C-alpha atoms as a PDB file:
ATOM      1  CA  MET A   1       6.454  98.153  39.510  1.00  0.00           C
ATOM      2  CA  LYS A   2       9.922  98.056  38.006  1.00  0.00           C
ATOM      3  CA  CYS A   3      11.622 101.189  37.186  1.00  0.00           C
ATOM      4  CA  LYS A   4      15.665 101.802  35.365  1.00  0.00           C
ATOM      5  CA  ALA A   5      17.348 104.396  34.625  1.00  0.00           C
ATOM      6  CA  ILE A   6      20.095 104.857  32.020  1.00  0.00           C
ATOM      7  CA  LEU A   7      22.896 106.911  32.572  1.00  0.00           C
ATOM      8  CA  ILE A   8      24.984 108.147  29.350  1.00  0.00           C
ATOM      9  CA  PHE A   9      28.328 108.347  29.638  1.00  0.00           C
ATOM     10  CA  HIS A  10      30.591 111.123  27.492  1.00  0.00           C
ATOM     11  CA  ARG A  11      33.578 109.865  25.507  1.00  0.00           C
ATOM     12  CA  SER A  12      36.230 110.708  28.255  1.00  0.00           C
ATOM     13  CA  TYR A  13      33.958 108.983  30.550  1.00  0.00           C
ATOM     14  CA  CYS A  14      32.645 111.270  32.746  1.00  0.00           C
ATOM     15  CA  PHE A  15      28.860 111.478  33.305  1.00  0.00           C
ATOM     16  CA  SER A  16      27.354 115.054  34.031  1.00  0.00           C
ATOM     17  CA  LEU A  17      26.496 114.946  38.174  1.00  0.00           C
ATOM     18  CA  GLY A  18      23.042 116.486  36.864  1.00  0.00           C
ATOM     19  CA  MET A  19      21.912 113.890  35.094  1.00  0.00           C
ATOM     20  CA  PHE A  20      22.921 111.125  37.638  1.00  0.00           C
ATOM     21  CA  LEU A  21      21.340 112.957  40.009  1.00  0.00           C
ATOM     22  CA  PHE A  22      18.266 113.351  38.144  1.00  0.00           C
ATOM     23  CA  PHE A  23      18.444 109.723  37.394  1.00  0.00           C
ATOM     24  CA  SER A  24      19.235 109.065  41.442  1.00  0.00           C
ATOM     25  CA  LEU A  25      16.138 110.428  42.508  1.00  0.00           C
ATOM     26  CA  ILE A  26      13.640 108.669  40.095  1.00  0.00           C
ATOM     27  CA  LEU A  27      15.552 105.485  41.565  1.00  0.00           C
ATOM     28  CA  ILE A  28      14.741 106.616  45.221  1.00  0.00           C
ATOM     29  CA  SER A  29      10.947 107.480  43.926  1.00  0.00           C
ATOM     30  CA  CYS A  30       9.972 104.155  42.845  1.00  0.00           C
ATOM     31  CA  SER A  31      11.901 102.185  45.660  1.00  0.00           C
ATOM     32  CA  LYS A  32       9.402 104.539  47.605  1.00  0.00           C
ATOM     33  CA  GLU A  33       6.380 103.445  45.285  1.00  0.00           C
ATOM     34  CA  GLU A  34       7.326 100.258  45.516  1.00  0.00           C
ATOM     35  CA  GLY A  35       5.740  97.465  48.223  1.00  0.00           C
ATOM     36  CA  ASN A  36       3.137  96.671  50.588  1.00  0.00           C
ATOM     37  CA  TRP A  37       0.715  99.057  51.273  1.00  0.00           C
ATOM     38  CA  THR A  38      -3.070  99.548  52.627  1.00  0.00           C
ATOM     39  CA  ALA A  39      -5.457 102.529  51.690  1.00  0.00           C
ATOM     40  CA  ILE A  40      -8.620 102.551  54.058  1.00  0.00           C
ATOM     41  CA  HIS A  41     -11.342 105.016  54.016  1.00  0.00           C
ATOM     42  CA  GLN A  42     -14.821 105.500  55.753  1.00  0.00           C
ATOM     43  CA  GLU A  43     -17.764 106.473  54.167  1.00  0.00           C
ATOM     44  CA  SER A  44     -21.191 106.525  55.873  1.00  0.00           C
ATOM     45  CA  GLU A  45     -21.736 103.475  57.510  1.00  0.00           C
ATOM     46  CA  TYR A  46     -19.192 101.390  55.588  1.00  0.00           C
ATOM     47  CA  ILE A  47     -15.312 101.330  56.044  1.00  0.00           C
ATOM     48  CA  TYR A  48     -13.508  99.935  52.900  1.00  0.00           C
ATOM     49  CA  GLY A  49      -9.898  99.862  51.350  1.00  0.00           C
ATOM     50  CA  VAL A  50      -7.415  97.289  49.966  1.00  0.00           C
ATOM     51  CA  TRP A  51      -4.524  95.858  51.335  1.00  0.00           C
ATOM     52  CA  HIS A  52      -1.436  94.314  49.448  1.00  0.00           C
ATOM     53  CA  SER A  53      -1.307  96.650  46.804  1.00  0.00           C
ATOM     54  CA  THR A  54       1.633  97.201  45.221  1.00  0.00           C
ATOM     55  CA  THR A  55       1.878 100.697  45.012  1.00  0.00           C
ATOM     56  CA  SER A  56       0.492 103.627  46.559  1.00  0.00           C
ATOM     57  CA  LYS A  57      -1.275 104.422  43.256  1.00  0.00           C
ATOM     58  CA  LYS A  58      -2.709 101.407  42.927  1.00  0.00           C
ATOM     59  CA  ALA A  59      -4.361 101.716  46.446  1.00  0.00           C
ATOM     60  CA  GLN A  60      -5.598 105.060  46.046  1.00  0.00           C
ATOM     61  CA  GLN A  61      -7.722 103.953  42.998  1.00  0.00           C
ATOM     62  CA  ALA A  62      -8.532 100.971  44.122  1.00  0.00           C
ATOM     63  CA  ILE A  63     -10.394 102.656  47.273  1.00  0.00           C
ATOM     64  CA  PHE A  64     -11.614 105.049  45.064  1.00  0.00           C
ATOM     65  CA  THR A  65     -14.095 102.635  43.027  1.00  0.00           C
ATOM     66  CA  VAL A  66     -15.625 100.933  45.864  1.00  0.00           C
ATOM     67  CA  GLY A  67     -16.340 104.498  47.381  1.00  0.00           C
ATOM     68  CA  GLU A  68     -17.649 105.527  43.999  1.00  0.00           C
ATOM     69  CA  ASN A  69     -19.791 102.442  44.156  1.00  0.00           C
ATOM     70  CA  ILE A  70     -21.021 103.085  47.664  1.00  0.00           C
ATOM     71  CA  LYS A  71     -22.621 106.472  46.134  1.00  0.00           C
ATOM     72  CA  LYS A  72     -23.654 105.282  43.508  1.00  0.00           C
ATOM     73  CA  VAL A  73     -25.207 101.851  44.493  1.00  0.00           C
ATOM     74  CA  SER A  74     -25.707 101.754  48.149  1.00  0.00           C
ATOM     75  CA  ALA A  75     -28.936 103.486  48.112  1.00  0.00           C
ATOM     76  CA  LEU A  76     -30.249 101.655  45.198  1.00  0.00           C
ATOM     77  CA  LEU A  77     -29.465  98.423  47.107  1.00  0.00           C
ATOM     78  CA  GLU A  78     -31.360  99.800  50.443  1.00  0.00           C
ATOM     79  CA  GLN A  79     -34.372 100.330  48.569  1.00  0.00           C
ATOM     80  CA  SER A  80     -34.416  97.117  46.280  1.00  0.00           C
ATOM     81  CA  ALA A  81     -34.289  95.264  49.344  1.00  0.00           C
ATOM     82  CA  ALA A  82     -37.100  97.147  51.502  1.00  0.00           C
ATOM     83  CA  THR A  83     -39.177  96.564  48.577  1.00  0.00           C
ATOM     84  CA  ARG A  84     -38.684  93.100  47.616  1.00  0.00           C
ATOM     85  CA  ASN A  85     -40.809  90.515  48.580  1.00  0.00           C
ATOM     86  CA  ILE A  86     -39.272  86.817  49.017  1.00  0.00           C
ATOM     87  CA  VAL A  87     -40.568  83.716  50.172  1.00  0.00           C
ATOM     88  CA  GLN A  88     -38.197  82.372  53.075  1.00  0.00           C
ATOM     89  CA  THR A  89     -37.587  78.431  53.859  1.00  0.00           C
ATOM     90  CA  SER A  90     -37.696  77.946  57.359  1.00  0.00           C
ATOM     91  CA  VAL A  91     -37.589  74.754  58.594  1.00  0.00           C
ATOM     92  CA  PRO A  92     -35.871  72.137  61.215  1.00  0.00           C
ATOM     93  CA  PRO A  93     -32.934  70.508  58.778  1.00  0.00           C
ATOM     94  CA  ALA A  94     -33.925  67.210  59.622  1.00  0.00           C
ATOM     95  CA  ASP A  95     -36.670  67.710  57.618  1.00  0.00           C
ATOM     96  CA  LEU A  96     -34.622  68.617  54.152  1.00  0.00           C
ATOM     97  CA  LEU A  97     -33.000  65.308  55.075  1.00  0.00           C
ATOM     98  CA  PRO A  98     -34.338  62.685  51.549  1.00  0.00           C
ATOM     99  CA  SER A  99     -35.524  59.747  52.896  1.00  0.00           C
ATOM    100  CA  ASP A 100     -35.666  56.393  51.526  1.00  0.00           C
ATOM    101  CA  GLY A 101     -36.880  55.957  47.769  1.00  0.00           C
ATOM    102  CA  GLU A 102     -36.267  59.985  46.861  1.00  0.00           C
ATOM    103  CA  LEU A 103     -32.720  59.425  45.772  1.00  0.00           C
ATOM    104  CA  VAL A 104     -33.154  56.304  43.599  1.00  0.00           C
ATOM    105  CA  GLY A 105     -30.763  53.164  44.061  1.00  0.00           C
ATOM    106  CA  TRP A 106     -29.834  54.585  47.841  1.00  0.00           C
ATOM    107  CA  VAL A 107     -31.226  54.342  51.111  1.00  0.00           C
ATOM    108  CA  GLN A 108     -30.472  56.028  54.833  1.00  0.00           C
ATOM    109  CA  SER A 109     -27.916  53.549  56.430  1.00  0.00           C
ATOM    110  CA  ARG A 110     -28.778  54.594  59.783  1.00  0.00           C
ATOM    111  CA  ALA A 111     -31.352  56.854  61.786  1.00  0.00           C
ATOM    112  CA  PRO A 112     -30.672  61.032  61.408  1.00  0.00           C
ATOM    113  CA  SER A 113     -29.018  62.789  64.038  1.00  0.00           C
ATOM    114  CA  THR A 114     -28.754  66.355  64.907  1.00  0.00           C
ATOM    115  CA  TYR A 115     -27.107  69.160  66.899  1.00  0.00           C
ATOM    116  CA  GLU A 116     -28.318  72.317  67.960  1.00  0.00           C
ATOM    117  CA  GLY A 117     -26.683  75.375  69.871  1.00  0.00           C
ATOM    118  CA  THR A 118     -23.141  74.275  71.696  1.00  0.00           C
ATOM    119  CA  THR A 119     -23.331  70.656  70.975  1.00  0.00           C
ATOM    120  CA  LEU A 120     -22.170  70.508  67.265  1.00  0.00           C
ATOM    121  CA  TYR A 121     -19.295  67.954  66.942  1.00  0.00           C
ATOM    122  CA  ARG A 122     -19.432  67.417  70.658  1.00  0.00           C
ATOM    123  CA  ASP A 123     -18.061  63.713  69.985  1.00  0.00           C
ATOM    124  CA  ARG A 124     -16.227  64.095  67.134  1.00  0.00           C
ATOM    125  CA  ALA A 125     -12.353  65.580  66.280  1.00  0.00           C
ATOM    126  CA  SER A 126     -13.497  68.050  63.975  1.00  0.00           C
ATOM    127  CA  SER A 127     -13.814  71.470  65.142  1.00  0.00           C
ATOM    128  CA  PRO A 128     -17.356  73.811  65.547  1.00  0.00           C
ATOM    129  CA  ASP A 129     -15.250  77.222  65.606  1.00  0.00           C
ATOM    130  CA  LEU A 130     -15.812  78.358  61.922  1.00  0.00           C
ATOM    131  CA  PHE A 131     -19.542  77.213  62.405  1.00  0.00           C
ATOM    132  CA  TYR A 132     -20.397  78.890  65.306  1.00  0.00           C
ATOM    133  CA  ALA A 133     -17.989  82.148  64.130  1.00  0.00           C
ATOM    134  CA  TYR A 134     -20.396  82.071  61.035  1.00  0.00           C
ATOM    135  CA  GLY A 135     -23.860  81.687  63.516  1.00  0.00           C
ATOM    136  CA  PHE A 136     -24.863  78.075  63.408  1.00  0.00           C
ATOM    137  CA  GLU A 137     -28.494  77.259  64.700  1.00  0.00           C
ATOM    138  CA  ARG A 138     -28.866  73.744  64.308  1.00  0.00           C
ATOM    139  CA  GLN A 139     -27.595  70.756  61.849  1.00  0.00           C
ATOM    140  CA  ALA A 140     -29.229  67.526  60.758  1.00  0.00           C
ATOM    141  CA  GLU A 141     -27.037  64.436  59.118  1.00  0.00           C
ATOM    142  CA  VAL A 142     -27.446  61.074  57.718  1.00  0.00           C
ATOM    143  CA  GLU A 143     -25.156  58.241  56.120  1.00  0.00           C
ATOM    144  CA  TYR A 144     -26.465  56.912  52.561  1.00  0.00           C
ATOM    145  CA  GLU A 145     -25.326  53.649  51.045  1.00  0.00           C
ATOM    146  CA  THR A 146     -26.327  51.658  48.184  1.00  0.00           C
ATOM    147  CA  PRO A 147     -26.352  47.817  46.940  1.00  0.00           C
ATOM    148  CA  GLN A 148     -23.709  48.951  44.127  1.00  0.00           C
ATOM    149  CA  PHE A 149     -20.992  49.770  45.926  1.00  0.00           C
ATOM    150  CA  GLY A 150     -21.711  46.694  48.726  1.00  0.00           C
ATOM    151  CA  SER A 151     -24.390  48.489  50.801  1.00  0.00           C
ATOM    152  CA  LYS A 152     -22.113  50.038  53.308  1.00  0.00           C
ATOM    153  CA  PRO A 153     -22.408  54.072  54.242  1.00  0.00           C
ATOM    154  CA  LEU A 154     -20.929  55.873  51.542  1.00  0.00           C
ATOM    155  CA  ILE A 155     -22.075  59.301  51.170  1.00  0.00           C
ATOM    156  CA  LEU A 156     -22.878  61.397  54.423  1.00  0.00           C
ATOM    157  CA  LEU A 157     -25.129  64.627  53.969  1.00  0.00           C
ATOM    158  CA  GLU A 158     -24.556  67.335  56.712  1.00  0.00           C
ATOM    159  CA  ILE A 159     -27.707  70.192  56.909  1.00  0.00           C
ATOM    160  CA  PHE A 160     -27.139  73.080  58.673  1.00  0.00           C
ATOM    161  CA  ASP A 161     -29.266  76.217  59.679  1.00  0.00           C
ATOM    162  CA  MET A 162     -26.933  78.972  59.881  1.00  0.00           C
ATOM    163  CA  GLY A 163     -29.634  81.603  60.937  1.00  0.00           C
ATOM    164  CA  THR A 164     -29.090  84.149  58.053  1.00  0.00           C
ATOM    165  CA  PRO A 165     -28.543  83.659  54.100  1.00  0.00           C
ATOM    166  CA  GLU A 166     -25.276  85.931  55.078  1.00  0.00           C
ATOM    167  CA  ASN A 167     -24.116  83.382  57.413  1.00  0.00           C
ATOM    168  CA  ALA A 168     -25.103  80.054  55.162  1.00  0.00           C
ATOM    169  CA  PHE A 169     -23.419  82.214  51.820  1.00  0.00           C
ATOM    170  CA  GLY A 170     -20.034  83.202  54.255  1.00  0.00           C
ATOM    171  CA  ILE A 171     -19.471  79.792  55.129  1.00  0.00           C
ATOM    172  CA  TYR A 172     -19.884  78.314  51.193  1.00  0.00           C
ATOM    173  CA  ASN A 173     -17.420  80.750  50.341  1.00  0.00           C
ATOM    174  CA  PHE A 174     -15.305  79.979  52.956  1.00  0.00           C
ATOM    175  CA  HIS A 175     -13.914  76.936  51.137  1.00  0.00           C
ATOM    176  CA  THR A 176     -14.234  78.711  47.557  1.00  0.00           C
ATOM    177  CA  TYR A 177     -10.835  79.354  45.527  1.00  0.00           C
ATOM    178  CA  PRO A 178     -10.137  79.761  42.185  1.00  0.00           C
ATOM    179  CA  GLN A 179     -10.330  77.360  39.335  1.00  0.00           C
ATOM    180  CA  MET A 180     -12.592  74.865  41.118  1.00  0.00           C
ATOM    181  CA  LYS A 181     -15.151  72.642  39.660  1.00  0.00           C
ATOM    182  CA  PHE A 182     -18.772  73.576  39.980  1.00  0.00           C
ATOM    183  CA  GLU A 183     -22.614  72.433  39.382  1.00  0.00           C
ATOM    184  CA  TRP A 184     -25.532  74.716  39.385  1.00  0.00           C
ATOM    185  CA  ILE A 185     -27.263  73.484  42.435  1.00  0.00           C
ATOM    186  CA  GLY A 186     -27.605  76.502  44.875  1.00  0.00           C
ATOM    187  CA  SER A 187     -25.429  79.120  44.770  1.00  0.00           C
ATOM    188  CA  LYS A 188     -23.312  77.122  42.755  1.00  0.00           C
ATOM    189  CA  ALA A 189     -22.381  73.872  44.239  1.00  0.00           C
ATOM    190  CA  MET A 190     -18.759  73.754  44.959  1.00  0.00           C
ATOM    191  CA  LEU A 191     -17.063  70.401  44.233  1.00  0.00           C
ATOM    192  CA  SER A 192     -13.727  69.810  45.990  1.00  0.00           C
ATOM    193  CA  GLY A 193     -12.113  66.742  46.570  1.00  0.00           C
ATOM    194  CA  ASN A 194     -14.231  64.544  48.165  1.00  0.00           C
ATOM    195  CA  TYR A 195     -16.796  66.958  49.078  1.00  0.00           C
ATOM    196  CA  LEU A 196     -19.799  68.947  47.572  1.00  0.00           C
ATOM    197  CA  ARG A 197     -20.973  72.276  49.118  1.00  0.00           C
ATOM    198  CA  PHE A 198     -23.696  74.866  48.630  1.00  0.00           C
ATOM    199  CA  SER A 199     -25.674  77.203  49.837  1.00  0.00           C
ATOM    200  CA  LYS A 200     -29.468  78.446  49.816  1.00  0.00           C
ATOM    201  CA  GLY A 201     -31.325  80.934  51.985  1.00  0.00           C
ATOM    202  CA  LYS A 202     -29.945  80.358  55.401  1.00  0.00           C
ATOM    203  CA  TYR A 203     -28.933  76.714  54.959  1.00  0.00           C
ATOM    204  CA  PHE A 204     -25.340  75.635  54.240  1.00  0.00           C
ATOM    205  CA  ILE A 205     -24.998  71.953  52.463  1.00  0.00           C
ATOM    206  CA  GLN A 206     -22.489  69.657  52.890  1.00  0.00           C
ATOM    207  CA  ILE A 207     -21.863  65.990  51.413  1.00  0.00           C
ATOM    208  CA  GLU A 208     -19.132  64.162  51.865  1.00  0.00           C
ATOM    209  CA  GLY A 209     -18.371  60.849  49.626  1.00  0.00           C
ATOM    210  CA  TYR A 210     -16.446  58.664  51.486  1.00  0.00           C
ATOM    211  CA  GLU A 211     -14.370  57.163  48.602  1.00  0.00           C
ATOM    212  CA  LEU A 212     -13.982  58.258  44.785  1.00  0.00           C
ATOM    213  CA  ALA A 213     -16.019  57.054  42.392  1.00  0.00           C
ATOM    214  CA  THR A 214     -18.627  58.402  39.582  1.00  0.00           C
ATOM    215  CA  GLY A 215     -21.527  56.568  40.816  1.00  0.00           C
ATOM    216  CA  ILE A 216     -20.917  58.145  44.503  1.00  0.00           C
ATOM    217  CA  ARG A 217     -20.500  61.608  42.847  1.00  0.00           C
ATOM    218  CA  GLU A 218     -23.495  61.410  40.749  1.00  0.00           C
ATOM    219  CA  GLY A 219     -25.374  60.045  44.350  1.00  0.00           C
ATOM    220  CA  MET A 220     -23.964  63.570  46.312  1.00  0.00           C
ATOM    221  CA  ILE A 221     -24.783  65.654  43.254  1.00  0.00           C
ATOM    222  CA  THR A 222     -28.495  64.689  43.140  1.00  0.00           C
ATOM    223  CA  LEU A 223     -28.874  64.481  46.427  1.00  0.00           C
ATOM    224  CA  ALA A 224     -27.922  68.279  46.331  1.00  0.00           C
ATOM    225  CA  LYS A 225     -30.596  69.155  43.789  1.00  0.00           C
ATOM    226  CA  ILE A 226     -32.900  67.108  45.665  1.00  0.00           C
ATOM    227  CA  ILE A 227     -32.225  69.910  48.952  1.00  0.00           C
ATOM    228  CA  ALA A 228     -31.947  72.701  46.821  1.00  0.00           C
ATOM    229  CA  ALA A 229     -35.662  72.207  45.040  1.00  0.00           C
ATOM    230  CA  GLN A 230     -36.805  72.039  48.972  1.00  0.00           C
ATOM    231  CA  ILE A 231     -35.678  75.444  49.723  1.00  0.00           C
ATOM    232  CA  LYS A 232     -37.843  77.976  48.214  1.00  0.00           C
ATOM    233  CA  GLU A 233     -35.767  80.877  48.316  1.00  0.00           C
ATOM    234  CA  PRO A 234     -34.274  82.170  44.993  1.00  0.00           C
ATOM    235  CA  ALA A 235     -30.587  81.449  44.993  1.00  0.00           C
ATOM    236  CA  LEU A 236     -29.298  85.080  44.907  1.00  0.00           C
ATOM    237  CA  GLU A 237     -26.000  86.377  46.507  1.00  0.00           C
ATOM    238  CA  PRO A 238     -26.003  88.899  49.111  1.00  0.00           C
ATOM    239  CA  ARG A 239     -26.687  92.757  47.582  1.00  0.00           C
ATOM    240  CA  ILE A 240     -23.890  94.053  49.254  1.00  0.00           C
ATOM    241  CA  LEU A 241     -21.265  91.905  47.102  1.00  0.00           C
ATOM    242  CA  GLY A 242     -22.904  94.555  44.655  1.00  0.00           C
ATOM    243  CA  LEU A 243     -20.131  97.003  46.011  1.00  0.00           C
ATOM    244  CA  LEU A 244     -17.125  95.284  44.976  1.00  0.00           C
ATOM    245  CA  PRO A 245     -15.308  96.281  41.874  1.00  0.00           C
ATOM    246  CA  SER A 246     -16.357  94.095  38.809  1.00  0.00           C
ATOM    247  CA  SER A 247     -13.274  94.605  37.096  1.00  0.00           C
ATOM    248  CA  ASN A 248     -10.131  92.360  37.525  1.00  0.00           C
ATOM    249  CA  LYS A 249     -11.579  90.737  40.264  1.00  0.00           C
ATOM    250  CA  VAL A 250      -9.532  86.936  40.537  1.00  0.00           C
ATOM    251  CA  GLY A 251     -12.868  84.578  40.130  1.00  0.00           C
ATOM    252  CA  GLY A 252     -13.638  81.527  43.368  1.00  0.00           C
ATOM    253  CA  THR A 253     -11.903  84.791  45.662  1.00  0.00           C
ATOM    254  CA  VAL A 254     -14.927  86.228  47.048  1.00  0.00           C
ATOM    255  CA  LYS A 255     -15.576  85.894  50.808  1.00  0.00           C
ATOM    256  CA  LEU A 256     -17.986  87.483  53.177  1.00  0.00           C
ATOM    257  CA  PHE A 257     -17.130  87.613  57.075  1.00  0.00           C
ATOM    258  CA  THR A 258     -18.970  88.668  60.221  1.00  0.00           C
ATOM    259  CA  SER A 259     -15.715  89.166  62.756  1.00  0.00           C
ATOM    260  CA  ASN A 260     -11.976  89.493  62.821  1.00  0.00           C
ATOM    261  CA  TRP A 261     -10.984  85.813  64.081  1.00  0.00           C
ATOM    262  CA  VAL A 262     -12.564  84.728  61.051  1.00  0.00           C
ATOM    263  CA  LEU A 263     -11.167  87.730  59.092  1.00  0.00           C
ATOM    264  CA  ARG A 264      -7.530  86.511  59.876  1.00  0.00           C
ATOM    265  CA  GLN A 265      -8.885  82.631  59.346  1.00  0.00           C
ATOM    266  CA  ILE A 266      -9.143  83.834  55.690  1.00  0.00           C
ATOM    267  CA  TYR A 267      -6.343  85.924  55.148  1.00  0.00           C
ATOM    268  CA  SER A 268      -3.124  85.067  57.025  1.00  0.00           C
ATOM    269  CA  THR A 269      -1.101  87.960  56.011  1.00  0.00           C
ATOM    270  CA  LEU A 270      -2.792  90.528  57.263  1.00  0.00           C
ATOM    271  CA  PRO A 271      -1.366  93.995  58.829  1.00  0.00           C
ATOM    272  CA  VAL A 272      -1.104  94.298  62.564  1.00  0.00           C
ATOM    273  CA  ASP A 273      -3.668  96.963  62.492  1.00  0.00           C
ATOM    274  CA  ILE A 274      -7.244  95.886  60.672  1.00  0.00           C
ATOM    275  CA  PRO A 275     -10.637  97.996  61.324  1.00  0.00           C
ATOM    276  CA  ARG A 276     -12.196  96.241  64.228  1.00  0.00           C
ATOM    277  CA  LEU A 277     -15.861  94.453  63.549  1.00  0.00           C
ATOM    278  CA  THR A 278     -18.700  94.603  65.981  1.00  0.00           C
ATOM    279  CA  ASP A 279     -21.075  92.265  66.623  1.00  0.00           C
ATOM    280  CA  THR A 280     -24.039  93.264  63.523  1.00  0.00           C
ATOM    281  CA  ALA A 281     -20.537  93.847  61.585  1.00  0.00           C
ATOM    282  CA  LEU A 282     -20.816  92.745  57.893  1.00  0.00           C
ATOM    283  CA  GLY A 283     -17.645  92.512  55.683  1.00  0.00           C
ATOM    284  CA  ILE A 284     -17.043  90.735  52.220  1.00  0.00           C
ATOM    285  CA  SER A 285     -13.564  91.191  50.407  1.00  0.00           C
ATOM    286  CA  ALA A 286     -12.115  89.520  46.960  1.00  0.00           C
ATOM    287  CA  ARG A 287      -8.423  89.982  45.531  1.00  0.00           C
ATOM    288  CA  TYR A 288      -7.819  91.919  42.147  1.00  0.00           C
ATOM    289  CA  TRP A 289      -5.494  91.347  39.830  1.00  0.00           C
ATOM    290  CA  GLU A 290      -3.072  94.626  39.919  1.00  0.00           C
ATOM    291  CA  ASN A 291      -1.428  92.960  36.650  1.00  0.00           C
ATOM    292  CA  ILE A 292      -3.074  91.036  33.690  1.00  0.00           C
ATOM    293  CA  LYS A 293       0.109  89.165  33.365  1.00  0.00           C
ATOM    294  CA  SER A 294       0.380  87.811  36.884  1.00  0.00           C
ATOM    295  CA  THR A 295      -0.496  84.120  36.848  1.00  0.00           C
ATOM    296  CA  ASN A 296      -0.577  83.729  41.289  1.00  0.00           C
ATOM    297  CA  TRP A 297      -3.440  84.913  42.368  1.00  0.00           C
ATOM    298  CA  MET A 298      -2.269  85.147  45.950  1.00  0.00           C
ATOM    299  CA  ASP A 299      -0.303  87.974  44.951  1.00  0.00           C
ATOM    300  CA  ALA A 300      -3.272  89.466  44.133  1.00  0.00           C
ATOM    301  CA  GLN A 301      -4.127  92.890  46.575  1.00  0.00           C
ATOM    302  CA  ILE A 302      -7.490  92.401  48.395  1.00  0.00           C
ATOM    303  CA  VAL A 303     -10.463  94.656  48.305  1.00  0.00           C
ATOM    304  CA  PHE A 304     -12.530  94.392  51.621  1.00  0.00           C
ATOM    305  CA  ILE A 305     -15.629  96.689  52.231  1.00  0.00           C
ATOM    306  CA  ILE A 306     -17.411  96.263  56.239  1.00  0.00           C
ATOM    307  CA  ARG A 307     -20.703  97.485  56.600  1.00  0.00           C
ATOM    308  CA  PHE A 308     -21.696  98.400  60.163  1.00  0.00           C
ATOM    309  CA  ALA A 309     -25.059  99.275  61.545  1.00  0.00           C
ATOM    310  CA  ASP A 310     -25.242 103.008  61.309  1.00  0.00           C
ATOM    311  CA  THR A 311     -22.720 105.909  60.658  1.00  0.00           C
ATOM    312  CA  SER A 312     -21.895 106.661  64.264  1.00  0.00           C
ATOM    313  CA  THR A 313     -20.385 103.522  64.547  1.00  0.00           C
ATOM    314  CA  ALA A 314     -18.531 103.166  61.629  1.00  0.00           C
ATOM    315  CA  ALA A 315     -16.806 106.447  62.694  1.00  0.00           C
ATOM    316  CA  SER A 316     -16.024 104.679  66.014  1.00  0.00           C
ATOM    317  CA  ALA A 317     -14.587 101.918  64.599  1.00  0.00           C
ATOM    318  CA  TYR A 318     -12.570 103.837  61.835  1.00  0.00           C
ATOM    319  CA  THR A 319     -11.323 106.528  64.771  1.00  0.00           C
ATOM    320  CA  LEU A 320      -9.948 103.281  66.824  1.00  0.00           C
ATOM    321  CA  TYR A 321      -8.232 101.855  63.822  1.00  0.00           C
ATOM    322  CA  ARG A 322      -6.539 105.188  62.484  1.00  0.00           C
ATOM    323  CA  ASP A 323      -5.076 105.693  66.555  1.00  0.00           C
ATOM    324  CA  SER A 324      -4.117 101.957  66.459  1.00  0.00           C
ATOM    325  CA  VAL A 325      -2.281 103.327  63.204  1.00  0.00           C
ATOM    326  CA  ALA A 326      -0.577 106.396  64.748  1.00  0.00           C
ATOM    327  CA  LYS A 327       0.423 104.607  67.740  1.00  0.00           C
ATOM    328  CA  GLY A 328       2.176 101.944  65.585  1.00  0.00           C
ATOM    329  CA  THR A 329       5.494 101.902  63.341  1.00  0.00           C
ATOM    330  CA  VAL A 330       4.609 102.025  59.975  1.00  0.00           C
ATOM    331  CA  THR A 331       4.721 105.479  57.327  1.00  0.00           C
ATOM    332  CA  PHE A 332       1.141 106.500  56.823  1.00  0.00           C
ATOM    333  CA  GLU A 333      -0.322 109.810  55.648  1.00  0.00           C
ATOM    334  CA  VAL A 334      -3.564 111.077  55.364  1.00  0.00           C
ATOM    335  CA  GLU A 335      -5.084 112.034  51.951  1.00  0.00           C
ATOM    336  CA  THR A 336      -7.241 115.091  51.475  1.00  0.00           C
ATOM    337  CA  SER A 337     -10.238 112.699  50.907  1.00  0.00           C
ATOM    338  CA  GLY A 338      -9.669 111.508  55.127  1.00  0.00           C
ATOM    339  CA  ALA A 339      -8.544 108.035  53.640  1.00  0.00           C
ATOM    340  CA  LEU A 340      -5.257 106.487  55.439  1.00  0.00           C
ATOM    341  CA  LEU A 341      -2.544 105.792  52.870  1.00  0.00           C
ATOM    342  CA  ILE A 342      -0.030 103.552  54.758  1.00  0.00           C
ATOM    343  CA  ASN A 343       3.444 101.679  53.856  1.00  0.00           C
ATOM    344  CA  GLU A 344       3.141  98.306  55.060  1.00  0.00           C
ATOM    345  CA  GLY A 345       6.564  97.702  54.518  1.00  0.00           C
ATOM    346  CA  SER A 346       8.035 100.576  56.495  1.00  0.00           C
ATOM    347  CA  ALA A 347       7.383  99.002  59.772  1.00  0.00           C
ATOM    348  CA  PRO A 348      11.329  98.295  61.015  1.00  0.00           C
END
């Protein structure tokens, strides 16, 4: 938000003191309005709000929209979830690995291997922390080769049992970003560099091509389709996503998180004080354009919703957050609705 004041001079080059004071007040008001604003509120079992809003007004508008969605939609979500009967696939990941002959022209180059519990990636340099944060239970993997490319390992297929569809969706969306290339597999398979990833049911699938070639990419996509067909659940997004505003959302920025550690991995520029998630809490977020002319999605404000187990747990978490803010150095005020409006840029 940019504010400009024009001072009108008399022919004698003297200007009105009253006009000067008037425009000075406008400039002071505008400077207070611009900046980095947070707005947070608690409603029943939800804590919701916005980070990195450029004005207090836009921050208030964002949480008002979410609050209305919670009032209108949450009851319907719970009712439909209770009456919906979904067939759930629950087999070991190793049973979903396509065997020789299922992928035409490709065969397994070694016997499949598995990880369970705390053993994930213990024998390699890759960090398992993100998988554990999203509830990892077990994994199976195998490599594939084809005579077309010299009969050497060229594709690594990994299937992770993440315990719940929300966990699988969360770790999948951790990797998404705007303007990615997608294939319509599972929750949409995203293609990024050498990787193809998607989730369906409680499974997260990650396929890596060791080389960039059209034939290898086609093999990866076919593998993904074979696996998706074996998982009987429909490719549905978590219903809590229906609480997010639909207008001005930046595509590819929806995130699901289950802990403060994951939230900090997703966003590196969050305020010092943020609501503390419990073990049973589930959070969602997305970026939203404040200005339709904006082009850098990293500057878009972040709208978030955290669902706790019940109202009392959410109220306790909100009280802890409010007390932490009150002990800090940022300027804040309590709205008539009870929401906190915080000027993050006011800290010394």
